[in-house]
Amino acid sequence: MSLRRSSSTVLPLLVLSLLLLSPPGTLAGDGHPPSKPIVTPVTKDSASLYTIPVKNGAPLVLDLAGPLVWSPCQPSHRTVPCKSSVCTVANRNHPAGCAYTGSGQPGSTDANCACTAYPYNPVSGQCGSGDLTAAPLSANATDGKNPLFPVSFSAYAACAPEGLLGSLPSGAAGVAGLSRMPLSLPSQVASRLKVARQFALCIPGGGQTLSLIHI
């Protein structure tokens, strides 16, 4: 995928409404009733890239076509076994031109095999490789009008090398994919928090901050 084509997927739209196709999940949120949608601020930077502060308050860049959530990981991060079904899902959309590492491939029966995922920077067109992990994320529950209470949940994410953050806004901690793939952010929110499989995203033309609302 060329840089010109890939950069155009980083939310050039003013209003977006997508139907999610994620399967039912098994993980709950933070103990509050799991039927509330969630909301989080959306900020536009000087380069017309949009971010949401869902990773410990750090911003993730929104990628309309991205299949994964990715960010650099701590050395002590959790890993996902290669033999798990989620490892297979994470490798379904391998970035074009991104070389396989030769290890961590799905389907391995080695008990010590940690799944490798391949995060992609939609701005620079570069890709990397890293462990598939479970990352802590957070947002706020909403009644459709106001934030109600904090909601914390985990989502599968790809560990990325620090160098992959190049070309992203200053302070950005990674990328949140918004595609219909099972490991995109909206799909995981729907399955893990047991909310409806759709979301609405309103993007301003100026520098205002609006909200990403999962309905």
N, C-alpha and C. Protein backbone atom coordinates (compact mmCIF):
# COMPACT_ATOMS: atom_id res chain seq x y z
N MET A 1 0.85 -1.19 0.00
CA MET A 1 0.00 0.00 0.00
C MET A 1 0.88 1.23 0.00
N SER A 2 0.64 2.15 -0.90
CA SER A 2 1.48 3.32 -1.02
C SER A 2 1.19 4.29 0.12
N LEU A 3 2.14 5.22 0.33
CA LEU A 3 1.96 6.21 1.39
C LEU A 3 0.76 7.08 1.10
N ARG A 4 0.59 7.46 -0.17
CA ARG A 4 -0.53 8.33 -0.52
C ARG A 4 -1.85 7.64 -0.23
N ARG A 5 -1.94 6.39 -0.58
CA ARG A 5 -3.19 5.66 -0.35
C ARG A 5 -3.40 5.41 1.13
N SER A 6 -2.34 4.99 1.84
CA SER A 6 -2.51 4.64 3.23
C SER A 6 -2.81 5.86 4.08
N SER A 7 -2.18 7.01 3.79
CA SER A 7 -2.42 8.18 4.61
C SER A 7 -3.85 8.67 4.47
N SER A 8 -4.48 8.36 3.36
CA SER A 8 -5.85 8.81 3.15
C SER A 8 -6.84 8.05 4.02
N THR A 9 -6.39 6.96 4.65
CA THR A 9 -7.28 6.20 5.51
C THR A 9 -7.30 6.73 6.93
N VAL A 10 -6.48 7.74 7.25
CA VAL A 10 -6.42 8.23 8.61
C VAL A 10 -7.48 9.30 8.83
N LEU A 11 -8.73 8.89 8.72
CA LEU A 11 -9.89 9.69 9.04
C LEU A 11 -9.98 11.04 8.35
N PRO A 12 -10.16 11.07 7.03
CA PRO A 12 -10.41 12.33 6.36
C PRO A 12 -11.89 12.70 6.38
N LEU A 13 -12.73 11.85 6.96
CA LEU A 13 -14.17 12.04 6.90
C LEU A 13 -14.67 12.95 8.01
N LEU A 14 -15.74 13.67 7.73
CA LEU A 14 -16.35 14.53 8.75
C LEU A 14 -17.29 13.74 9.64
N VAL A 15 -18.02 12.81 9.07
CA VAL A 15 -18.93 11.98 9.86
C VAL A 15 -18.80 10.54 9.41
N LEU A 16 -18.67 9.63 10.34
CA LEU A 16 -18.48 8.22 10.03
C LEU A 16 -19.41 7.40 10.89
N SER A 17 -20.11 6.47 10.28
CA SER A 17 -20.95 5.54 11.02
C SER A 17 -20.75 4.16 10.43
N LEU A 18 -20.23 3.23 11.23
CA LEU A 18 -19.90 1.90 10.74
C LEU A 18 -20.65 0.84 11.54
N LEU A 19 -21.05 -0.20 10.86
CA LEU A 19 -21.62 -1.37 11.52
C LEU A 19 -20.49 -2.35 11.78
N LEU A 20 -20.32 -2.75 13.02
CA LEU A 20 -19.24 -3.64 13.38
C LEU A 20 -19.63 -5.09 13.14
N LEU A 21 -18.65 -5.88 12.77
CA LEU A 21 -18.89 -7.29 12.48
C LEU A 21 -18.15 -8.19 13.45
N SER A 22 -17.89 -7.71 14.66
CA SER A 22 -17.10 -8.49 15.60
C SER A 22 -17.93 -9.61 16.20
N PRO A 23 -17.25 -10.74 16.56
CA PRO A 23 -17.95 -11.84 17.19
C PRO A 23 -18.21 -11.54 18.66
N PRO A 24 -19.09 -12.29 19.31
CA PRO A 24 -19.32 -12.08 20.74
C PRO A 24 -18.04 -12.29 21.52
N GLY A 25 -17.83 -11.49 22.57
CA GLY A 25 -16.62 -11.61 23.37
C GLY A 25 -16.89 -12.33 24.68
N THR A 26 -15.82 -12.48 25.45
CA THR A 26 -15.95 -13.20 26.70
C THR A 26 -15.46 -12.40 27.89
N LEU A 27 -14.81 -11.24 27.65
CA LEU A 27 -14.25 -10.48 28.74
C LEU A 27 -15.17 -9.32 29.11
N ALA A 28 -15.27 -9.02 30.39
CA ALA A 28 -16.10 -7.92 30.85
C ALA A 28 -15.26 -6.68 31.05
N GLY A 29 -15.89 -5.60 31.46
CA GLY A 29 -15.19 -4.35 31.70
C GLY A 29 -14.69 -4.28 33.12
N ASP A 30 -14.99 -3.15 33.81
CA ASP A 30 -14.41 -2.93 35.13
C ASP A 30 -15.40 -3.15 36.27
N GLY A 31 -16.45 -3.92 36.06
CA GLY A 31 -17.40 -4.21 37.11
C GLY A 31 -18.70 -3.46 37.01
N HIS A 32 -18.74 -2.40 36.20
CA HIS A 32 -19.99 -1.68 35.98
C HIS A 32 -20.85 -2.45 34.99
N PRO A 33 -22.15 -2.20 34.97
CA PRO A 33 -23.02 -2.87 34.00
C PRO A 33 -22.49 -2.71 32.58
N PRO A 34 -22.33 -3.80 31.82
CA PRO A 34 -21.65 -3.76 30.53
C PRO A 34 -22.51 -3.31 29.37
N SER A 35 -23.68 -2.71 29.64
CA SER A 35 -24.56 -2.33 28.55
C SER A 35 -24.41 -0.87 28.12
N LYS A 36 -23.62 -0.08 28.85
CA LYS A 36 -23.44 1.32 28.52
C LYS A 36 -22.45 1.48 27.37
N PRO A 37 -22.74 2.39 26.43
CA PRO A 37 -21.74 2.72 25.41
C PRO A 37 -20.62 3.53 26.05
N ILE A 38 -19.52 3.70 25.34
CA ILE A 38 -18.42 4.49 25.87
C ILE A 38 -18.14 5.67 24.97
N VAL A 39 -17.49 6.67 25.57
CA VAL A 39 -17.18 7.90 24.85
C VAL A 39 -15.77 8.35 25.21
N THR A 40 -15.07 8.95 24.26
CA THR A 40 -13.73 9.48 24.52
C THR A 40 -13.48 10.66 23.59
N PRO A 41 -12.72 11.66 24.02
CA PRO A 41 -12.48 12.83 23.18
C PRO A 41 -11.68 12.49 21.93
N VAL A 42 -11.93 13.22 20.87
CA VAL A 42 -11.16 13.13 19.63
C VAL A 42 -10.48 14.47 19.40
N THR A 43 -9.18 14.45 19.18
CA THR A 43 -8.42 15.68 18.97
C THR A 43 -7.76 15.66 17.61
N LYS A 44 -7.82 16.77 16.91
CA LYS A 44 -7.19 16.93 15.60
C LYS A 44 -5.90 17.71 15.75
N ASP A 45 -4.79 17.19 15.19
CA ASP A 45 -3.52 17.90 15.29
C ASP A 45 -3.29 18.77 14.05
N SER A 46 -2.15 19.45 14.01
CA SER A 46 -1.86 20.39 12.92
C SER A 46 -1.71 19.70 11.57
N ALA A 47 -1.44 18.41 11.58
CA ALA A 47 -1.29 17.66 10.32
C ALA A 47 -2.59 16.95 9.93
N SER A 48 -3.68 17.32 10.58
CA SER A 48 -5.01 16.75 10.31
C SER A 48 -5.08 15.26 10.64
N LEU A 49 -4.33 14.84 11.63
CA LEU A 49 -4.44 13.49 12.16
C LEU A 49 -5.26 13.56 13.44
N TYR A 50 -6.03 12.50 13.71
CA TYR A 50 -6.94 12.49 14.85
C TYR A 50 -6.49 11.46 15.88
N THR A 51 -6.57 11.84 17.15
CA THR A 51 -6.13 10.96 18.22
C THR A 51 -7.20 10.84 19.30
N ILE A 52 -7.15 9.72 20.04
CA ILE A 52 -8.01 9.52 21.21
C ILE A 52 -7.14 9.06 22.37
N PRO A 53 -7.37 9.57 23.59
CA PRO A 53 -6.52 9.25 24.75
C PRO A 53 -7.00 8.02 25.51
N VAL A 54 -6.90 6.86 24.90
CA VAL A 54 -7.45 5.65 25.53
C VAL A 54 -6.39 4.72 26.12
N LYS A 55 -5.12 5.00 25.89
CA LYS A 55 -4.07 4.12 26.41
C LYS A 55 -3.36 4.81 27.58
N ASN A 56 -3.89 4.60 28.78
CA ASN A 56 -3.35 5.26 29.97
C ASN A 56 -3.29 6.77 29.80
N GLY A 57 -4.26 7.32 29.09
CA GLY A 57 -4.30 8.75 28.86
C GLY A 57 -3.46 9.22 27.69
N ALA A 58 -2.64 8.34 27.14
CA ALA A 58 -1.80 8.70 26.00
C ALA A 58 -2.60 8.55 24.71
N PRO A 59 -2.36 9.42 23.73
CA PRO A 59 -3.17 9.39 22.50
C PRO A 59 -2.76 8.29 21.52
N LEU A 60 -3.75 7.67 20.91
CA LEU A 60 -3.55 6.76 19.79
C LEU A 60 -4.13 7.41 18.54
N VAL A 61 -3.39 7.34 17.44
CA VAL A 61 -3.84 7.91 16.17
C VAL A 61 -4.91 7.00 15.57
N LEU A 62 -5.99 7.58 15.09
CA LEU A 62 -7.07 6.81 14.48
C LEU A 62 -6.74 6.48 13.03
N ASP A 63 -6.86 5.21 12.68
CA ASP A 63 -6.62 4.73 11.31
C ASP A 63 -7.88 4.02 10.84
N LEU A 64 -8.57 4.64 9.90
CA LEU A 64 -9.85 4.13 9.43
C LEU A 64 -9.77 2.70 8.92
N ALA A 65 -8.67 2.34 8.25
CA ALA A 65 -8.54 1.01 7.65
C ALA A 65 -7.70 0.06 8.49
N GLY A 66 -7.23 0.50 9.64
CA GLY A 66 -6.32 -0.32 10.43
C GLY A 66 -6.99 -1.52 11.07
N PRO A 67 -6.37 -2.71 10.99
CA PRO A 67 -6.96 -3.91 11.58
C PRO A 67 -6.57 -4.15 13.03
N LEU A 68 -5.59 -3.38 13.54
CA LEU A 68 -5.03 -3.64 14.86
C LEU A 68 -4.93 -2.36 15.70
N VAL A 69 -4.78 -2.57 16.99
CA VAL A 69 -4.29 -1.54 17.90
C VAL A 69 -2.82 -1.84 18.11
N TRP A 70 -1.96 -0.83 18.06
CA TRP A 70 -0.54 -1.10 18.33
C TRP A 70 0.13 0.05 19.06
N SER A 71 1.17 -0.31 19.81
CA SER A 71 1.91 0.65 20.61
C SER A 71 3.18 -0.02 21.12
N PRO A 72 4.25 0.72 21.40
CA PRO A 72 5.41 0.11 22.06
C PRO A 72 5.01 -0.50 23.40
N CYS A 73 5.67 -1.59 23.77
CA CYS A 73 5.34 -2.32 25.00
C CYS A 73 6.45 -2.21 26.04
N GLN A 74 6.08 -2.42 27.28
CA GLN A 74 7.06 -2.55 28.35
C GLN A 74 7.77 -3.89 28.23
N PRO A 75 9.00 -4.00 28.73
CA PRO A 75 9.72 -5.29 28.64
C PRO A 75 8.97 -6.45 29.29
N SER A 76 8.17 -6.16 30.30
CA SER A 76 7.49 -7.23 31.04
C SER A 76 6.08 -7.52 30.51
N HIS A 77 5.80 -7.17 29.27
CA HIS A 77 4.45 -7.34 28.73
C HIS A 77 4.05 -8.82 28.61
N ARG A 78 2.74 -9.05 28.62
CA ARG A 78 2.21 -10.39 28.40
C ARG A 78 2.34 -10.78 26.94
N THR A 79 2.35 -12.07 26.68
CA THR A 79 2.38 -12.56 25.31
C THR A 79 1.19 -13.50 25.07
N VAL A 80 0.93 -13.78 23.80
CA VAL A 80 -0.18 -14.65 23.40
C VAL A 80 0.41 -15.87 22.71
N PRO A 81 0.00 -17.08 23.07
CA PRO A 81 0.56 -18.29 22.45
C PRO A 81 0.29 -18.33 20.94
N CYS A 82 1.26 -18.85 20.21
CA CYS A 82 1.10 -18.98 18.75
C CYS A 82 -0.07 -19.88 18.38
N LYS A 83 -0.35 -20.87 19.23
CA LYS A 83 -1.39 -21.83 18.91
C LYS A 83 -2.80 -21.29 19.16
N SER A 84 -2.92 -20.10 19.73
CA SER A 84 -4.24 -19.54 20.02
C SER A 84 -4.92 -19.05 18.75
N SER A 85 -6.25 -19.06 18.76
CA SER A 85 -7.00 -18.61 17.59
C SER A 85 -6.80 -17.12 17.33
N VAL A 86 -6.57 -16.33 18.38
CA VAL A 86 -6.39 -14.90 18.19
C VAL A 86 -5.10 -14.60 17.45
N CYS A 87 -4.10 -15.47 17.57
CA CYS A 87 -2.87 -15.30 16.81
C CYS A 87 -3.14 -15.43 15.32
N THR A 88 -3.98 -16.38 14.96
CA THR A 88 -4.36 -16.54 13.56
C THR A 88 -5.09 -15.31 13.05
N VAL A 89 -6.01 -14.79 13.86
CA VAL A 89 -6.77 -13.59 13.47
C VAL A 89 -5.84 -12.40 13.29
N ALA A 90 -4.88 -12.24 14.18
CA ALA A 90 -3.97 -11.10 14.12
C ALA A 90 -3.10 -11.12 12.87
N ASN A 91 -2.91 -12.28 12.28
CA ASN A 91 -2.05 -12.39 11.11
C ASN A 91 -2.82 -12.49 9.79
N ARG A 92 -4.11 -12.30 9.82
CA ARG A 92 -4.91 -12.40 8.59
C ARG A 92 -4.64 -11.24 7.64
N ASN A 93 -4.34 -10.08 8.17
CA ASN A 93 -4.13 -8.90 7.34
C ASN A 93 -2.68 -8.45 7.43
N HIS A 94 -1.80 -9.28 6.90
CA HIS A 94 -0.37 -8.96 6.94
C HIS A 94 -0.10 -7.79 6.00
N PRO A 95 0.58 -6.73 6.49
CA PRO A 95 0.86 -5.58 5.63
C PRO A 95 1.67 -5.96 4.40
N ALA A 96 1.27 -5.46 3.26
CA ALA A 96 1.99 -5.75 2.01
C ALA A 96 3.42 -5.24 2.12
N GLY A 97 4.36 -6.08 1.72
CA GLY A 97 5.76 -5.69 1.72
C GLY A 97 6.44 -5.80 3.07
N CYS A 98 5.73 -6.28 4.08
CA CYS A 98 6.31 -6.42 5.42
C CYS A 98 6.86 -7.83 5.58
N ALA A 99 8.16 -7.93 5.77
CA ALA A 99 8.81 -9.24 5.83
C ALA A 99 8.43 -9.99 7.10
N TYR A 100 8.21 -11.29 6.96
CA TYR A 100 7.96 -12.14 8.12
C TYR A 100 9.26 -12.33 8.89
N THR A 101 9.15 -12.43 10.21
CA THR A 101 10.35 -12.59 11.03
C THR A 101 10.85 -14.03 11.04
N GLY A 102 9.98 -14.97 10.71
CA GLY A 102 10.37 -16.37 10.74
C GLY A 102 10.08 -17.04 12.06
N SER A 103 9.57 -16.31 13.02
CA SER A 103 9.20 -16.88 14.31
C SER A 103 7.87 -16.29 14.76
N GLY A 104 7.25 -16.95 15.73
CA GLY A 104 6.00 -16.44 16.27
C GLY A 104 4.82 -16.56 15.35
N GLN A 105 4.88 -17.50 14.40
CA GLN A 105 3.80 -17.63 13.43
C GLN A 105 2.63 -18.43 14.00
N PRO A 106 1.41 -18.12 13.57
CA PRO A 106 0.24 -18.83 14.10
C PRO A 106 0.27 -20.31 13.75
N GLY A 107 -0.28 -21.11 14.65
CA GLY A 107 -0.38 -22.55 14.40
C GLY A 107 0.73 -23.36 15.02
N SER A 108 1.79 -22.72 15.50
CA SER A 108 2.88 -23.47 16.12
C SER A 108 2.38 -24.14 17.40
N THR A 109 2.79 -25.37 17.60
CA THR A 109 2.41 -26.10 18.81
C THR A 109 3.46 -26.00 19.91
N ASP A 110 4.53 -25.25 19.65
CA ASP A 110 5.57 -25.04 20.66
C ASP A 110 4.97 -24.26 21.83
N ALA A 111 5.02 -24.83 23.01
CA ALA A 111 4.42 -24.20 24.18
C ALA A 111 5.07 -22.86 24.51
N ASN A 112 6.30 -22.65 24.07
CA ASN A 112 7.02 -21.41 24.36
C ASN A 112 6.93 -20.39 23.24
N CYS A 113 6.16 -20.70 22.21
CA CYS A 113 6.06 -19.81 21.05
C CYS A 113 5.13 -18.64 21.36
N ALA A 114 5.65 -17.41 21.26
CA ALA A 114 4.85 -16.20 21.46
C ALA A 114 4.45 -15.63 20.11
N CYS A 115 3.19 -15.33 19.96
CA CYS A 115 2.66 -14.86 18.68
C CYS A 115 3.27 -13.52 18.26
N THR A 116 3.66 -13.43 17.00
CA THR A 116 4.18 -12.19 16.43
C THR A 116 3.10 -11.52 15.60
N ALA A 117 2.93 -10.22 15.78
CA ALA A 117 2.01 -9.42 14.98
C ALA A 117 2.81 -8.37 14.21
N TYR A 118 2.16 -7.77 13.20
CA TYR A 118 2.88 -6.85 12.31
C TYR A 118 2.14 -5.51 12.22
N PRO A 119 2.47 -4.60 13.14
CA PRO A 119 1.84 -3.28 13.12
C PRO A 119 2.28 -2.46 11.92
N TYR A 120 1.40 -1.57 11.48
CA TYR A 120 1.64 -0.76 10.27
C TYR A 120 1.35 0.71 10.57
N ASN A 121 2.28 1.58 10.19
CA ASN A 121 2.11 3.01 10.36
C ASN A 121 1.45 3.58 9.10
N PRO A 122 0.21 4.03 9.17
CA PRO A 122 -0.50 4.48 7.98
C PRO A 122 -0.02 5.83 7.45
N VAL A 123 0.79 6.53 8.22
CA VAL A 123 1.31 7.83 7.79
C VAL A 123 2.62 7.67 7.03
N SER A 124 3.54 6.89 7.60
CA SER A 124 4.85 6.71 6.95
C SER A 124 4.86 5.56 5.95
N GLY A 125 3.88 4.64 6.07
CA GLY A 125 3.87 3.46 5.21
C GLY A 125 4.82 2.38 5.67
N GLN A 126 5.42 2.54 6.86
CA GLN A 126 6.35 1.55 7.39
C GLN A 126 5.62 0.53 8.25
N CYS A 127 6.22 -0.65 8.37
CA CYS A 127 5.67 -1.69 9.23
C CYS A 127 6.75 -2.18 10.16
N GLY A 128 6.36 -2.95 11.14
CA GLY A 128 7.29 -3.53 12.08
C GLY A 128 6.77 -4.87 12.56
N SER A 129 7.42 -5.43 13.53
CA SER A 129 6.97 -6.70 14.10
C SER A 129 7.14 -6.64 15.61
N GLY A 130 6.30 -7.39 16.31
CA GLY A 130 6.38 -7.43 17.76
C GLY A 130 5.39 -8.44 18.31
N ASP A 131 5.51 -8.71 19.59
CA ASP A 131 4.61 -9.66 20.23
C ASP A 131 3.17 -9.17 20.19
N LEU A 132 2.24 -10.10 20.07
CA LEU A 132 0.84 -9.80 20.32
C LEU A 132 0.64 -9.85 21.83
N THR A 133 -0.03 -8.85 22.37
CA THR A 133 -0.18 -8.75 23.82
C THR A 133 -1.59 -8.31 24.17
N ALA A 134 -1.85 -8.13 25.45
CA ALA A 134 -3.12 -7.57 25.93
C ALA A 134 -2.80 -6.23 26.58
N ALA A 135 -3.34 -5.15 26.04
CA ALA A 135 -3.03 -3.81 26.52
C ALA A 135 -4.19 -3.24 27.32
N PRO A 136 -3.90 -2.54 28.43
CA PRO A 136 -4.97 -1.89 29.19
C PRO A 136 -5.43 -0.61 28.50
N LEU A 137 -6.73 -0.45 28.31
CA LEU A 137 -7.30 0.75 27.70
C LEU A 137 -8.40 1.29 28.61
N SER A 138 -8.79 2.53 28.38
CA SER A 138 -9.83 3.12 29.22
C SER A 138 -10.58 4.21 28.46
N ALA A 139 -11.82 4.43 28.87
CA ALA A 139 -12.67 5.49 28.31
C ALA A 139 -13.72 5.79 29.37
N ASN A 140 -14.80 6.44 28.97
CA ASN A 140 -15.89 6.74 29.90
C ASN A 140 -17.20 6.18 29.38
N ALA A 141 -17.97 5.59 30.28
CA ALA A 141 -19.33 5.19 29.91
C ALA A 141 -20.16 6.45 29.70
N THR A 142 -21.20 6.34 28.88
CA THR A 142 -22.03 7.50 28.60
C THR A 142 -23.50 7.10 28.47
N ASP A 143 -24.38 8.05 28.77
CA ASP A 143 -25.81 7.85 28.55
C ASP A 143 -26.25 8.43 27.21
N GLY A 144 -25.28 8.80 26.38
CA GLY A 144 -25.56 9.42 25.10
C GLY A 144 -25.49 10.93 25.14
N LYS A 145 -25.41 11.48 26.36
CA LYS A 145 -25.33 12.93 26.52
C LYS A 145 -24.11 13.35 27.33
N ASN A 146 -23.83 12.60 28.40
CA ASN A 146 -22.76 12.99 29.31
C ASN A 146 -21.89 11.78 29.68
N PRO A 147 -20.59 11.99 29.97
CA PRO A 147 -19.77 10.91 30.54
C PRO A 147 -20.32 10.53 31.91
N LEU A 148 -20.29 9.23 32.24
CA LEU A 148 -20.86 8.76 33.49
C LEU A 148 -19.80 8.29 34.47
N PHE A 149 -18.99 7.33 34.08
CA PHE A 149 -17.97 6.78 34.96
C PHE A 149 -16.88 6.15 34.11
N PRO A 150 -15.66 6.04 34.65
CA PRO A 150 -14.55 5.45 33.89
C PRO A 150 -14.79 3.96 33.64
N VAL A 151 -14.37 3.50 32.49
CA VAL A 151 -14.43 2.09 32.12
C VAL A 151 -13.04 1.66 31.68
N SER A 152 -12.51 0.63 32.32
CA SER A 152 -11.22 0.07 31.94
C SER A 152 -11.42 -1.31 31.36
N PHE A 153 -10.67 -1.64 30.34
CA PHE A 153 -10.77 -2.95 29.71
C PHE A 153 -9.46 -3.25 29.01
N SER A 154 -9.25 -4.50 28.69
CA SER A 154 -8.05 -4.88 27.96
C SER A 154 -8.42 -5.20 26.52
N ALA A 155 -7.47 -5.00 25.64
CA ALA A 155 -7.67 -5.30 24.23
C ALA A 155 -6.39 -5.90 23.67
N TYR A 156 -6.53 -6.82 22.74
CA TYR A 156 -5.35 -7.36 22.08
C TYR A 156 -4.70 -6.25 21.27
N ALA A 157 -3.38 -6.17 21.36
CA ALA A 157 -2.64 -5.13 20.65
C ALA A 157 -1.28 -5.68 20.24
N ALA A 158 -0.72 -5.08 19.21
CA ALA A 158 0.61 -5.48 18.75
C ALA A 158 1.66 -4.59 19.39
N CYS A 159 2.71 -5.20 19.92
CA CYS A 159 3.86 -4.42 20.38
C CYS A 159 4.60 -3.90 19.15
N ALA A 160 5.03 -2.66 19.20
CA ALA A 160 5.70 -2.05 18.05
C ALA A 160 7.04 -1.47 18.47
N PRO A 161 8.04 -1.49 17.58
CA PRO A 161 9.30 -0.82 17.89
C PRO A 161 9.08 0.69 17.98
N GLU A 162 9.87 1.35 18.82
CA GLU A 162 9.73 2.80 19.01
C GLU A 162 9.84 3.56 17.70
N GLY A 163 10.67 3.05 16.78
CA GLY A 163 10.87 3.74 15.51
C GLY A 163 9.63 3.82 14.66
N LEU A 164 8.65 2.96 14.93
CA LEU A 164 7.43 2.97 14.12
C LEU A 164 6.54 4.17 14.45
N LEU A 165 6.84 4.87 15.54
CA LEU A 165 6.07 6.05 15.92
C LEU A 165 6.41 7.26 15.05
N GLY A 166 7.45 7.15 14.23
CA GLY A 166 7.84 8.26 13.38
C GLY A 166 6.69 8.71 12.48
N SER A 167 6.58 10.01 12.28
CA SER A 167 5.55 10.66 11.45
C SER A 167 4.21 10.77 12.16
N LEU A 168 4.06 10.19 13.35
CA LEU A 168 2.84 10.36 14.11
C LEU A 168 2.93 11.66 14.91
N PRO A 169 1.81 12.21 15.37
CA PRO A 169 1.85 13.44 16.16
C PRO A 169 2.73 13.29 17.40
N SER A 170 3.33 14.38 17.83
CA SER A 170 4.18 14.36 19.01
C SER A 170 3.39 13.86 20.22
N GLY A 171 3.97 12.91 20.93
CA GLY A 171 3.31 12.35 22.10
C GLY A 171 2.41 11.17 21.82
N ALA A 172 2.16 10.87 20.54
CA ALA A 172 1.30 9.74 20.20
C ALA A 172 1.94 8.43 20.65
N ALA A 173 1.14 7.55 21.23
CA ALA A 173 1.65 6.29 21.76
C ALA A 173 1.45 5.12 20.82
N GLY A 174 0.84 5.35 19.66
CA GLY A 174 0.59 4.26 18.73
C GLY A 174 -0.61 4.56 17.85
N VAL A 175 -1.25 3.50 17.38
CA VAL A 175 -2.36 3.62 16.43
C VAL A 175 -3.53 2.75 16.88
N ALA A 176 -4.74 3.26 16.69
CA ALA A 176 -5.96 2.49 16.93
C ALA A 176 -6.66 2.26 15.61
N GLY A 177 -6.66 1.02 15.14
CA GLY A 177 -7.34 0.69 13.89
C GLY A 177 -8.85 0.69 14.07
N LEU A 178 -9.57 1.23 13.09
CA LEU A 178 -11.03 1.33 13.16
C LEU A 178 -11.74 0.51 12.10
N SER A 179 -11.05 -0.45 11.51
CA SER A 179 -11.67 -1.25 10.45
C SER A 179 -12.72 -2.19 11.04
N ARG A 180 -13.30 -3.03 10.18
CA ARG A 180 -14.28 -4.02 10.65
C ARG A 180 -13.64 -5.34 11.05
N MET A 181 -12.33 -5.39 11.07
CA MET A 181 -11.64 -6.62 11.44
C MET A 181 -11.82 -6.92 12.93
N PRO A 182 -11.73 -8.19 13.32
CA PRO A 182 -12.04 -8.58 14.71
C PRO A 182 -11.16 -7.94 15.77
N LEU A 183 -9.92 -7.54 15.43
CA LEU A 183 -9.02 -6.97 16.43
C LEU A 183 -8.89 -5.45 16.33
N SER A 184 -9.75 -4.82 15.54
CA SER A 184 -9.77 -3.36 15.54
C SER A 184 -10.33 -2.87 16.87
N LEU A 185 -10.12 -1.60 17.19
CA LEU A 185 -10.61 -1.07 18.46
C LEU A 185 -12.13 -1.17 18.60
N PRO A 186 -12.92 -0.72 17.61
CA PRO A 186 -14.38 -0.81 17.79
C PRO A 186 -14.88 -2.25 17.95
N SER A 187 -14.29 -3.18 17.20
CA SER A 187 -14.72 -4.57 17.30
C SER A 187 -14.43 -5.14 18.68
N GLN A 188 -13.28 -4.80 19.23
CA GLN A 188 -12.93 -5.31 20.56
C GLN A 188 -13.78 -4.65 21.65
N VAL A 189 -14.07 -3.37 21.50
CA VAL A 189 -14.96 -2.71 22.47
C VAL A 189 -16.32 -3.39 22.47
N ALA A 190 -16.86 -3.65 21.28
CA ALA A 190 -18.17 -4.27 21.18
C ALA A 190 -18.20 -5.64 21.83
N SER A 191 -17.16 -6.44 21.57
CA SER A 191 -17.16 -7.81 22.08
C SER A 191 -16.83 -7.88 23.56
N ARG A 192 -15.92 -7.06 24.02
CA ARG A 192 -15.47 -7.17 25.41
C ARG A 192 -16.38 -6.45 26.39
N LEU A 193 -16.97 -5.34 25.97
CA LEU A 193 -17.85 -4.60 26.87
C LEU A 193 -19.31 -4.92 26.66
N LYS A 194 -19.60 -5.81 25.71
CA LYS A 194 -20.98 -6.24 25.43
C LYS A 194 -21.88 -5.06 25.06
N VAL A 195 -21.37 -4.14 24.25
CA VAL A 195 -22.18 -3.04 23.75
C VAL A 195 -22.58 -3.34 22.31
N ALA A 196 -23.47 -2.52 21.77
CA ALA A 196 -23.95 -2.74 20.41
C ALA A 196 -22.80 -2.70 19.41
N ARG A 197 -22.95 -3.44 18.32
CA ARG A 197 -21.88 -3.57 17.34
C ARG A 197 -21.91 -2.44 16.31
N GLN A 198 -21.92 -1.22 16.78
CA GLN A 198 -21.85 -0.08 15.88
C GLN A 198 -21.30 1.11 16.66
N PHE A 199 -20.73 2.08 15.93
CA PHE A 199 -20.28 3.28 16.60
C PHE A 199 -20.45 4.47 15.68
N ALA A 200 -20.52 5.65 16.29
CA ALA A 200 -20.62 6.89 15.54
C ALA A 200 -19.39 7.73 15.84
N LEU A 201 -18.85 8.37 14.82
CA LEU A 201 -17.65 9.18 14.97
C LEU A 201 -17.86 10.50 14.27
N CYS A 202 -17.84 11.59 15.01
CA CYS A 202 -18.01 12.93 14.43
C CYS A 202 -16.67 13.65 14.45
N ILE A 203 -16.23 14.10 13.29
CA ILE A 203 -14.94 14.75 13.16
C ILE A 203 -15.15 16.20 12.73
N PRO A 204 -14.60 17.17 13.47
CA PRO A 204 -14.77 18.58 13.11
C PRO A 204 -13.86 18.99 11.97
N GLY A 205 -14.24 20.03 11.26
CA GLY A 205 -13.40 20.55 10.20
C GLY A 205 -12.27 21.41 10.73
N GLY A 206 -12.45 22.00 11.90
CA GLY A 206 -11.42 22.82 12.51
C GLY A 206 -10.62 22.06 13.53
N GLY A 207 -10.11 22.74 14.53
CA GLY A 207 -9.28 22.11 15.53
C GLY A 207 -10.02 21.74 16.80
N GLN A 208 -11.34 21.71 16.75
CA GLN A 208 -12.11 21.43 17.94
C GLN A 208 -11.93 19.99 18.39
N THR A 209 -12.33 19.73 19.62
CA THR A 209 -12.34 18.38 20.17
C THR A 209 -13.78 17.90 20.26
N LEU A 210 -14.07 16.77 19.63
CA LEU A 210 -15.39 16.16 19.74
C LEU A 210 -15.25 14.80 20.40
N SER A 211 -16.19 13.91 20.15
CA SER A 211 -16.18 12.63 20.85
C SER A 211 -16.39 11.46 19.91
N LEU A 212 -15.72 10.37 20.23
CA LEU A 212 -15.94 9.08 19.57
C LEU A 212 -16.91 8.31 20.46
N ILE A 213 -18.07 7.99 19.95
CA ILE A 213 -19.10 7.38 20.78
C ILE A 213 -19.42 5.98 20.29
N HIS A 214 -19.27 5.00 21.14
CA HIS A 214 -19.70 3.64 20.82
C HIS A 214 -21.13 3.50 21.30
N ILE A 215 -22.03 3.13 20.40
CA ILE A 215 -23.45 3.11 20.72
C ILE A 215 -23.92 1.69 21.06
